[in-house]
Amino acid sequence: MAYLTDRKRAMGLGSAKSGTAHHWSMTVSSVALLILLPLFVFTFGAALGGTYEEIVAYYSRPFPAIVAALTILVSFKHFNGGVQTLIEDYVHGLAQKVSIVAMTCVSYGAAAIGIFAIARLAL
C-alpha cells in the first residue's frame, strides 16, 4: 500500500490527468515549428517557380526533402493537438470521442500523404 500525499498523487497530472503532458507536447512542437518553418520557407522559396524536372532535382537532395518532411509531420502533429484541445473544450459526450478520432485520422492521413509526396519526389 502506497502512502502518498494528495499533492504527490496530483503532481504533474492537471485537472484532466493529462494536461501537463499535452501542454508540454504542444510547447515542444511549437519550438520545433519555430525552427522548421523558416527553414521550410527558405528551402521551398528556392524551388518556387521551377519546372517539374527542376523541382524533382531539387527535392532529390536530402536537406530540402528532410526539412519539408519534418515540417509536414510536426505541423500536422501540432494541428492535431490543437484541434483535440478545441474539441475537448466545446464538444461533449459521444460526439467528442467521435470528433477526436476523426480529426486524428484526418491529421495523420494528411501528414502521411504529404510525406509520401515528398518521398516520391526525393526518390
N, C-alpha and C. Protein backbone atom coordinates (compact mmCIF):
# COMPACT_ATOMS: atom_id res chain seq x y z
N MET A 1 0.85 -1.17 0.00
CA MET A 1 0.00 0.00 0.00
C MET A 1 0.89 1.23 0.00
N ALA A 2 0.64 2.12 -0.92
CA ALA A 2 1.45 3.32 -1.05
C ALA A 2 0.83 4.44 -0.22
N TYR A 3 1.68 5.10 0.54
CA TYR A 3 1.21 6.23 1.34
C TYR A 3 1.68 7.52 0.66
N LEU A 4 0.83 8.05 -0.19
CA LEU A 4 1.15 9.27 -0.92
C LEU A 4 0.27 10.40 -0.43
N THR A 5 0.84 11.57 -0.38
CA THR A 5 0.05 12.74 -0.04
C THR A 5 -0.79 13.12 -1.26
N ASP A 6 -1.81 13.95 -1.01
CA ASP A 6 -2.65 14.40 -2.11
C ASP A 6 -1.83 15.14 -3.15
N ARG A 7 -0.89 15.94 -2.69
CA ARG A 7 -0.06 16.70 -3.62
C ARG A 7 0.78 15.78 -4.49
N LYS A 8 1.35 14.74 -3.92
CA LYS A 8 2.19 13.81 -4.66
C LYS A 8 1.37 13.05 -5.70
N ARG A 9 0.14 12.67 -5.36
CA ARG A 9 -0.71 11.98 -6.32
C ARG A 9 -1.10 12.89 -7.47
N ALA A 10 -1.27 14.17 -7.22
CA ALA A 10 -1.72 15.11 -8.24
C ALA A 10 -0.58 15.74 -9.03
N MET A 11 0.65 15.54 -8.61
CA MET A 11 1.80 16.18 -9.22
C MET A 11 1.90 15.82 -10.71
N GLY A 12 1.85 16.83 -11.55
CA GLY A 12 2.03 16.64 -12.98
C GLY A 12 0.82 16.12 -13.73
N LEU A 13 -0.31 15.98 -13.06
CA LEU A 13 -1.47 15.41 -13.74
C LEU A 13 -2.41 16.46 -14.29
N GLY A 14 -2.60 17.56 -13.63
CA GLY A 14 -3.57 18.54 -14.08
C GLY A 14 -4.98 18.07 -13.80
N SER A 15 -5.96 18.86 -14.15
CA SER A 15 -7.34 18.52 -13.82
C SER A 15 -7.87 17.37 -14.66
N ALA A 16 -7.36 17.19 -15.87
CA ALA A 16 -7.85 16.11 -16.73
C ALA A 16 -6.91 14.91 -16.74
N LYS A 17 -5.95 14.87 -15.85
CA LYS A 17 -4.98 13.80 -15.69
C LYS A 17 -3.95 13.71 -16.82
N SER A 18 -4.04 14.58 -17.83
CA SER A 18 -3.06 14.53 -18.91
C SER A 18 -2.71 15.92 -19.43
N GLY A 19 -3.16 16.94 -18.75
CA GLY A 19 -2.97 18.30 -19.23
C GLY A 19 -1.52 18.73 -19.30
N THR A 20 -0.72 18.31 -18.35
CA THR A 20 0.69 18.71 -18.34
C THR A 20 1.43 18.09 -19.52
N ALA A 21 1.19 16.82 -19.77
CA ALA A 21 1.85 16.14 -20.89
C ALA A 21 1.41 16.76 -22.21
N HIS A 22 0.13 17.07 -22.33
CA HIS A 22 -0.36 17.69 -23.56
C HIS A 22 0.25 19.07 -23.76
N HIS A 23 0.30 19.84 -22.69
CA HIS A 23 0.88 21.18 -22.78
C HIS A 23 2.36 21.09 -23.17
N TRP A 24 3.08 20.17 -22.56
CA TRP A 24 4.50 20.01 -22.88
C TRP A 24 4.68 19.58 -24.34
N SER A 25 3.84 18.68 -24.83
CA SER A 25 3.90 18.25 -26.22
C SER A 25 3.66 19.41 -27.18
N MET A 26 2.68 20.24 -26.86
CA MET A 26 2.38 21.40 -27.71
C MET A 26 3.52 22.41 -27.66
N THR A 27 4.15 22.59 -26.50
CA THR A 27 5.27 23.51 -26.38
C THR A 27 6.46 23.03 -27.19
N VAL A 28 6.76 21.76 -27.12
CA VAL A 28 7.89 21.20 -27.88
C VAL A 28 7.63 21.31 -29.37
N SER A 29 6.42 20.99 -29.81
CA SER A 29 6.13 21.09 -31.24
C SER A 29 6.13 22.55 -31.70
N SER A 30 5.75 23.48 -30.83
CA SER A 30 5.81 24.91 -31.18
C SER A 30 7.24 25.36 -31.40
N VAL A 31 8.13 24.93 -30.52
CA VAL A 31 9.55 25.30 -30.66
C VAL A 31 10.13 24.66 -31.91
N ALA A 32 9.76 23.40 -32.17
CA ALA A 32 10.23 22.73 -33.38
C ALA A 32 9.75 23.48 -34.63
N LEU A 33 8.49 23.92 -34.62
CA LEU A 33 7.97 24.67 -35.77
C LEU A 33 8.63 26.04 -35.89
N LEU A 34 9.01 26.62 -34.77
CA LEU A 34 9.72 27.90 -34.79
C LEU A 34 11.03 27.77 -35.56
N ILE A 35 11.66 26.62 -35.48
CA ILE A 35 12.91 26.38 -36.21
C ILE A 35 12.62 25.89 -37.63
N LEU A 36 11.66 24.98 -37.78
CA LEU A 36 11.41 24.35 -39.08
C LEU A 36 10.75 25.26 -40.11
N LEU A 37 9.82 26.11 -39.69
CA LEU A 37 9.09 26.92 -40.67
C LEU A 37 9.98 27.90 -41.43
N PRO A 38 10.91 28.63 -40.78
CA PRO A 38 11.81 29.47 -41.58
C PRO A 38 12.69 28.65 -42.52
N LEU A 39 13.16 27.50 -42.04
CA LEU A 39 13.95 26.63 -42.93
C LEU A 39 13.12 26.18 -44.12
N PHE A 40 11.87 25.81 -43.87
CA PHE A 40 11.00 25.38 -44.96
C PHE A 40 10.73 26.51 -45.94
N VAL A 41 10.49 27.72 -45.43
CA VAL A 41 10.22 28.85 -46.31
C VAL A 41 11.42 29.13 -47.22
N PHE A 42 12.62 29.08 -46.65
CA PHE A 42 13.81 29.34 -47.46
C PHE A 42 14.09 28.22 -48.45
N THR A 43 13.90 26.96 -48.05
CA THR A 43 14.14 25.87 -48.98
C THR A 43 13.05 25.78 -50.04
N PHE A 44 11.81 26.02 -49.65
CA PHE A 44 10.71 25.98 -50.62
C PHE A 44 10.77 27.19 -51.55
N GLY A 45 11.17 28.33 -51.02
CA GLY A 45 11.28 29.54 -51.84
C GLY A 45 12.31 29.41 -52.94
N ALA A 46 13.37 28.66 -52.67
CA ALA A 46 14.40 28.46 -53.69
C ALA A 46 13.88 27.62 -54.86
N ALA A 47 12.91 26.75 -54.60
CA ALA A 47 12.37 25.89 -55.65
C ALA A 47 11.13 26.47 -56.31
N LEU A 48 10.59 27.51 -55.75
CA LEU A 48 9.33 28.08 -56.23
C LEU A 48 9.48 28.60 -57.65
N GLY A 49 8.55 28.25 -58.52
CA GLY A 49 8.55 28.74 -59.89
C GLY A 49 9.34 27.90 -60.85
N GLY A 50 9.93 26.81 -60.38
CA GLY A 50 10.72 25.95 -61.26
C GLY A 50 9.84 24.98 -62.03
N THR A 51 10.42 24.38 -63.04
CA THR A 51 9.70 23.35 -63.79
C THR A 51 9.64 22.08 -62.95
N TYR A 52 8.87 21.12 -63.44
CA TYR A 52 8.73 19.87 -62.71
C TYR A 52 10.07 19.17 -62.55
N GLU A 53 10.86 19.15 -63.60
CA GLU A 53 12.16 18.50 -63.55
C GLU A 53 13.09 19.18 -62.55
N GLU A 54 13.04 20.52 -62.49
CA GLU A 54 13.86 21.25 -61.52
C GLU A 54 13.42 20.96 -60.08
N ILE A 55 12.13 20.86 -59.87
CA ILE A 55 11.61 20.56 -58.54
C ILE A 55 12.02 19.16 -58.10
N VAL A 56 11.91 18.20 -59.01
CA VAL A 56 12.31 16.82 -58.69
C VAL A 56 13.80 16.78 -58.38
N ALA A 57 14.61 17.48 -59.17
CA ALA A 57 16.06 17.50 -58.92
C ALA A 57 16.35 18.20 -57.59
N TYR A 58 15.62 19.25 -57.28
CA TYR A 58 15.86 19.99 -56.03
C TYR A 58 15.51 19.14 -54.81
N TYR A 59 14.34 18.48 -54.85
CA TYR A 59 13.93 17.66 -53.70
C TYR A 59 14.58 16.29 -53.70
N SER A 60 15.41 15.98 -54.68
CA SER A 60 16.22 14.77 -54.63
C SER A 60 17.40 14.94 -53.70
N ARG A 61 17.73 16.18 -53.40
CA ARG A 61 18.79 16.45 -52.41
C ARG A 61 18.21 16.19 -51.02
N PRO A 62 19.03 15.69 -50.11
CA PRO A 62 18.47 15.29 -48.80
C PRO A 62 17.97 16.44 -47.93
N PHE A 63 18.69 17.58 -47.87
CA PHE A 63 18.31 18.63 -46.93
C PHE A 63 16.92 19.21 -47.20
N PRO A 64 16.59 19.62 -48.44
CA PRO A 64 15.23 20.16 -48.66
C PRO A 64 14.14 19.12 -48.42
N ALA A 65 14.41 17.86 -48.78
CA ALA A 65 13.39 16.82 -48.59
C ALA A 65 13.17 16.54 -47.10
N ILE A 66 14.24 16.50 -46.32
CA ILE A 66 14.10 16.24 -44.89
C ILE A 66 13.40 17.41 -44.19
N VAL A 67 13.77 18.63 -44.55
CA VAL A 67 13.13 19.81 -43.94
C VAL A 67 11.64 19.82 -44.27
N ALA A 68 11.28 19.54 -45.52
CA ALA A 68 9.87 19.53 -45.91
C ALA A 68 9.11 18.43 -45.18
N ALA A 69 9.68 17.23 -45.10
CA ALA A 69 9.00 16.12 -44.43
C ALA A 69 8.83 16.38 -42.93
N LEU A 70 9.87 16.90 -42.29
CA LEU A 70 9.76 17.21 -40.86
C LEU A 70 8.74 18.32 -40.60
N THR A 71 8.72 19.32 -41.47
CA THR A 71 7.76 20.40 -41.32
C THR A 71 6.33 19.88 -41.44
N ILE A 72 6.09 19.03 -42.41
CA ILE A 72 4.75 18.45 -42.58
C ILE A 72 4.38 17.61 -41.36
N LEU A 73 5.29 16.76 -40.92
CA LEU A 73 4.99 15.88 -39.80
C LEU A 73 4.71 16.65 -38.51
N VAL A 74 5.58 17.59 -38.16
CA VAL A 74 5.41 18.34 -36.91
C VAL A 74 4.20 19.27 -37.00
N SER A 75 3.95 19.85 -38.17
CA SER A 75 2.80 20.75 -38.33
C SER A 75 1.48 20.01 -38.11
N PHE A 76 1.35 18.84 -38.69
CA PHE A 76 0.10 18.11 -38.51
C PHE A 76 -0.03 17.52 -37.11
N LYS A 77 1.08 17.18 -36.48
CA LYS A 77 1.03 16.73 -35.07
C LYS A 77 0.57 17.89 -34.18
N HIS A 78 1.10 19.08 -34.41
CA HIS A 78 0.71 20.26 -33.65
C HIS A 78 -0.76 20.61 -33.92
N PHE A 79 -1.15 20.52 -35.18
CA PHE A 79 -2.55 20.78 -35.55
C PHE A 79 -3.48 19.81 -34.83
N ASN A 80 -3.11 18.54 -34.79
CA ASN A 80 -3.93 17.54 -34.13
C ASN A 80 -4.10 17.85 -32.65
N GLY A 81 -2.99 18.25 -31.99
CA GLY A 81 -3.08 18.60 -30.57
C GLY A 81 -3.96 19.81 -30.31
N GLY A 82 -3.87 20.80 -31.17
CA GLY A 82 -4.70 22.00 -31.02
C GLY A 82 -6.17 21.73 -31.24
N VAL A 83 -6.47 20.96 -32.28
CA VAL A 83 -7.88 20.63 -32.55
C VAL A 83 -8.44 19.74 -31.46
N GLN A 84 -7.61 18.84 -30.92
CA GLN A 84 -8.08 18.00 -29.82
C GLN A 84 -8.46 18.84 -28.62
N THR A 85 -7.65 19.84 -28.29
CA THR A 85 -7.98 20.74 -27.18
C THR A 85 -9.28 21.49 -27.47
N LEU A 86 -9.44 21.96 -28.68
CA LEU A 86 -10.65 22.68 -29.07
C LEU A 86 -11.88 21.79 -28.92
N ILE A 87 -11.78 20.55 -29.39
CA ILE A 87 -12.91 19.63 -29.30
C ILE A 87 -13.22 19.29 -27.84
N GLU A 88 -12.17 19.07 -27.03
CA GLU A 88 -12.40 18.75 -25.62
C GLU A 88 -13.10 19.89 -24.89
N ASP A 89 -12.83 21.13 -25.31
CA ASP A 89 -13.43 22.28 -24.64
C ASP A 89 -14.88 22.51 -25.06
N TYR A 90 -15.23 22.24 -26.31
CA TYR A 90 -16.53 22.67 -26.82
C TYR A 90 -17.48 21.56 -27.24
N VAL A 91 -17.03 20.33 -27.32
CA VAL A 91 -17.90 19.22 -27.71
C VAL A 91 -17.91 18.21 -26.57
N HIS A 92 -19.07 17.63 -26.30
CA HIS A 92 -19.19 16.73 -25.15
C HIS A 92 -19.90 15.44 -25.56
N GLY A 93 -19.71 14.42 -24.75
CA GLY A 93 -20.39 13.14 -24.95
C GLY A 93 -19.76 12.31 -26.05
N LEU A 94 -20.59 11.52 -26.71
CA LEU A 94 -20.13 10.64 -27.78
C LEU A 94 -19.58 11.43 -28.96
N ALA A 95 -20.16 12.59 -29.23
CA ALA A 95 -19.68 13.42 -30.34
C ALA A 95 -18.23 13.84 -30.12
N GLN A 96 -17.85 14.04 -28.86
CA GLN A 96 -16.47 14.41 -28.55
C GLN A 96 -15.52 13.30 -28.94
N LYS A 97 -15.83 12.09 -28.56
CA LYS A 97 -14.96 10.95 -28.87
C LYS A 97 -14.88 10.72 -30.37
N VAL A 98 -16.01 10.77 -31.04
CA VAL A 98 -16.03 10.57 -32.49
C VAL A 98 -15.24 11.67 -33.20
N SER A 99 -15.40 12.90 -32.75
CA SER A 99 -14.69 14.03 -33.37
C SER A 99 -13.19 13.92 -33.17
N ILE A 100 -12.75 13.52 -32.00
CA ILE A 100 -11.32 13.38 -31.75
C ILE A 100 -10.72 12.27 -32.61
N VAL A 101 -11.42 11.15 -32.70
CA VAL A 101 -10.93 10.05 -33.55
C VAL A 101 -10.90 10.48 -35.01
N ALA A 102 -11.94 11.16 -35.46
CA ALA A 102 -11.99 11.60 -36.86
C ALA A 102 -10.88 12.60 -37.17
N MET A 103 -10.68 13.57 -36.29
CA MET A 103 -9.63 14.57 -36.55
C MET A 103 -8.24 13.96 -36.47
N THR A 104 -8.05 12.98 -35.60
CA THR A 104 -6.76 12.30 -35.54
C THR A 104 -6.50 11.55 -36.83
N CYS A 105 -7.51 10.88 -37.35
CA CYS A 105 -7.36 10.16 -38.63
C CYS A 105 -7.09 11.12 -39.78
N VAL A 106 -7.81 12.23 -39.82
CA VAL A 106 -7.61 13.22 -40.88
C VAL A 106 -6.21 13.83 -40.78
N SER A 107 -5.80 14.16 -39.58
CA SER A 107 -4.50 14.79 -39.38
C SER A 107 -3.35 13.87 -39.79
N TYR A 108 -3.37 12.65 -39.27
CA TYR A 108 -2.29 11.73 -39.61
C TYR A 108 -2.38 11.26 -41.06
N GLY A 109 -3.57 11.18 -41.60
CA GLY A 109 -3.72 10.84 -43.01
C GLY A 109 -3.14 11.90 -43.92
N ALA A 110 -3.42 13.17 -43.61
CA ALA A 110 -2.87 14.26 -44.41
C ALA A 110 -1.35 14.32 -44.28
N ALA A 111 -0.83 14.06 -43.08
CA ALA A 111 0.63 14.04 -42.89
C ALA A 111 1.24 12.91 -43.70
N ALA A 112 0.61 11.74 -43.71
CA ALA A 112 1.13 10.61 -44.47
C ALA A 112 1.12 10.91 -45.97
N ILE A 113 0.08 11.54 -46.45
CA ILE A 113 0.02 11.90 -47.87
C ILE A 113 1.13 12.89 -48.22
N GLY A 114 1.35 13.89 -47.37
CA GLY A 114 2.40 14.87 -47.62
C GLY A 114 3.79 14.25 -47.60
N ILE A 115 4.04 13.37 -46.64
CA ILE A 115 5.35 12.72 -46.57
C ILE A 115 5.53 11.76 -47.73
N PHE A 116 4.47 11.09 -48.14
CA PHE A 116 4.55 10.21 -49.32
C PHE A 116 4.89 11.03 -50.57
N ALA A 117 4.28 12.20 -50.70
CA ALA A 117 4.57 13.05 -51.87
C ALA A 117 6.03 13.50 -51.88
N ILE A 118 6.55 13.87 -50.71
CA ILE A 118 7.96 14.28 -50.61
C ILE A 118 8.86 13.08 -50.94
N ALA A 119 8.50 11.92 -50.43
CA ALA A 119 9.30 10.71 -50.72
C ALA A 119 9.29 10.37 -52.20
N ARG A 120 8.15 10.54 -52.84
CA ARG A 120 8.09 10.28 -54.30
C ARG A 120 8.97 11.25 -55.07
N LEU A 121 8.99 12.50 -54.62
CA LEU A 121 9.86 13.49 -55.28
C LEU A 121 11.33 13.20 -55.01
N ALA A 122 11.63 12.78 -53.78
CA ALA A 122 13.03 12.60 -53.38
C ALA A 122 13.64 11.31 -53.93
N LEU A 123 12.82 10.31 -54.18
CA LEU A 123 13.38 9.02 -54.62
C LEU A 123 13.20 8.76 -56.07
